[in-house]
Amino acid sequence: MRDYRDYKKRKLSASVDGRGVVVAATATPGTLVHGALTSIAHNEWDEVTLRAVNQSASAVKLTVEWGDTTSADQVEITIPAESGFVEVIPGHVLQNAKSVRAFAATANVIVLHGFINRYENT
């Protein structure tokens, strides 16, 4: 049986030193944000939390590609102008080396911040 102590908090895999990931892509496939652990075991996964900062003076549409690049795997949200830490992904799970990617209507103005709670047998 698992409990709250069975995970390790980690940075997004595309983050440098825990800093935000700038969304440079404006179309699919998006900028890599995180690559999930390779396990497919039912009790091993990454719980991903993402928040967006919009540095632009205009609202910007953000598309997060959750595990694949098909439209069924895309989450769309408009990030208000000059806003900080808008919740985008509130802690959903991913595994099997699937990736989280993102693209925006305007390049280099959306910055994604977040963390991973990695649940695995160690």
Protein backbone atom coordinates (compact mmCIF):
# COMPACT_ATOMS: atom_id res chain seq x y z
CA MET A 1 0.00 0.00 0.00
CA ARG A 2 1.32 3.44 -0.97
CA ASP A 3 1.14 6.54 1.16
CA TYR A 4 2.15 10.17 0.79
CA ARG A 5 5.81 9.41 1.52
CA ASP A 6 6.24 7.20 -1.57
CA TYR A 7 7.21 10.00 -3.96
CA LYS A 8 10.07 12.37 -4.65
CA LYS A 9 9.48 15.94 -5.77
CA ARG A 10 11.47 16.75 -8.92
CA LYS A 11 11.87 19.58 -11.38
CA LEU A 12 10.44 19.43 -14.90
CA SER A 13 12.91 17.48 -17.03
CA ALA A 14 13.31 20.38 -19.52
CA SER A 15 13.91 22.89 -16.73
CA VAL A 16 17.40 24.16 -16.03
CA ASP A 17 18.01 24.33 -12.28
CA GLY A 18 14.25 24.40 -11.57
CA ARG A 19 13.64 27.53 -13.63
CA GLY A 20 10.71 28.03 -15.99
CA VAL A 21 10.58 26.58 -19.49
CA VAL A 22 10.05 29.20 -22.22
CA VAL A 23 7.51 28.08 -24.83
CA ALA A 24 9.24 28.85 -28.12
CA ALA A 25 7.09 26.69 -30.41
CA THR A 26 4.03 28.12 -32.16
CA ALA A 27 2.81 24.80 -33.63
CA THR A 28 2.91 21.09 -32.98
CA PRO A 29 5.11 19.44 -31.87
CA GLY A 30 5.54 21.89 -29.06
CA THR A 31 8.49 22.81 -26.89
CA LEU A 32 9.46 19.90 -24.62
CA VAL A 33 8.45 20.58 -21.02
CA HIS A 34 8.79 17.16 -19.36
CA GLY A 35 9.48 13.54 -20.23
CA ALA A 36 7.78 11.06 -17.90
CA LEU A 37 9.53 8.08 -16.35
CA THR A 38 9.82 5.03 -18.58
CA SER A 39 7.99 2.57 -16.32
CA ILE A 40 4.58 1.16 -17.24
CA ALA A 41 3.98 -0.43 -13.83
CA HIS A 42 0.55 0.45 -12.47
CA ASN A 43 2.05 1.96 -9.33
CA GLU A 44 4.80 4.05 -10.94
CA TRP A 45 4.07 7.44 -12.53
CA ASP A 46 4.84 11.15 -12.65
CA GLU A 47 2.25 13.52 -11.25
CA VAL A 48 2.74 16.75 -13.21
CA THR A 49 1.73 20.23 -12.03
CA LEU A 50 2.13 23.17 -14.44
CA ARG A 51 1.53 26.89 -14.09
CA ALA A 52 1.96 29.50 -16.83
CA VAL A 53 3.30 33.04 -16.75
CA ASN A 54 2.41 35.36 -19.63
CA GLN A 55 4.99 38.11 -20.10
CA SER A 56 3.08 39.69 -22.99
CA ALA A 57 0.76 42.71 -22.89
CA SER A 58 -1.84 40.56 -24.72
CA ALA A 59 -3.70 37.38 -23.82
CA VAL A 60 -2.04 34.34 -25.44
CA LYS A 61 -3.53 30.94 -26.28
CA LEU A 62 -1.43 28.06 -24.91
CA THR A 63 -1.77 24.45 -26.04
CA VAL A 64 -0.32 21.67 -23.89
CA GLU A 65 0.27 18.33 -25.63
CA TRP A 66 -0.31 15.69 -22.97
CA GLY A 67 1.52 12.48 -23.88
CA ASP A 68 1.06 12.83 -27.64
CA THR A 69 0.48 15.45 -30.32
CA THR A 70 -3.02 14.45 -31.50
CA SER A 71 -5.93 16.82 -30.92
CA ALA A 72 -7.41 14.40 -28.35
CA ASP A 73 -4.24 14.87 -26.26
CA GLN A 74 -4.24 18.67 -26.37
CA VAL A 75 -5.30 20.97 -23.54
CA GLU A 76 -5.99 24.56 -24.58
CA ILE A 77 -6.11 27.57 -22.29
CA THR A 78 -5.84 31.32 -22.85
CA ILE A 79 -3.37 32.92 -20.47
CA PRO A 80 -4.33 36.51 -19.54
CA ALA A 81 -1.95 39.36 -20.34
CA GLU A 82 0.90 40.03 -17.91
CA SER A 83 -0.28 37.30 -15.58
CA GLY A 84 1.66 35.01 -13.35
CA PHE A 85 1.21 31.43 -12.22
CA VAL A 86 -2.05 30.57 -13.96
CA GLU A 87 -2.84 26.93 -13.26
CA VAL A 88 -2.63 24.85 -16.43
CA ILE A 89 -2.23 21.23 -15.23
CA PRO A 90 -3.27 20.66 -11.59
CA GLY A 91 -1.48 17.36 -10.98
CA HIS A 92 -2.32 14.76 -13.62
CA VAL A 93 -0.34 11.55 -14.05
CA LEU A 94 1.80 10.35 -16.94
CA GLN A 95 4.19 7.41 -17.48
CA ASN A 96 5.74 5.17 -20.18
CA ALA A 97 8.20 7.88 -21.37
CA LYS A 98 5.34 10.02 -22.64
CA SER A 99 6.12 13.71 -22.95
CA VAL A 100 4.48 16.98 -22.09
CA ARG A 101 4.99 19.59 -24.80
CA ALA A 102 3.53 23.04 -25.32
CA PHE A 103 3.08 25.63 -28.04
CA ALA A 104 1.59 29.12 -27.94
CA ALA A 105 0.06 31.59 -30.37
CA THR A 106 3.03 33.91 -29.70
CA ALA A 107 6.58 32.58 -29.32
CA ASN A 108 8.74 33.20 -26.25
CA VAL A 109 6.20 35.02 -24.04
CA ILE A 110 4.74 32.08 -22.09
CA VAL A 111 6.93 30.53 -19.41
CA LEU A 112 5.87 27.26 -17.79
CA HIS A 113 6.78 26.55 -14.18
CA GLY A 114 6.00 23.38 -12.30
CA PHE A 115 7.16 20.25 -10.59
CA ILE A 116 6.81 16.51 -10.64
CA ASN A 117 5.86 14.17 -7.85
CA ARG A 118 7.50 10.94 -9.00
CA TYR A 119 5.97 7.76 -7.60
CA GLU A 120 8.20 4.72 -8.17
CA ASN A 121 9.56 1.68 -6.45
CA THR A 122 12.97 2.61 -5.13
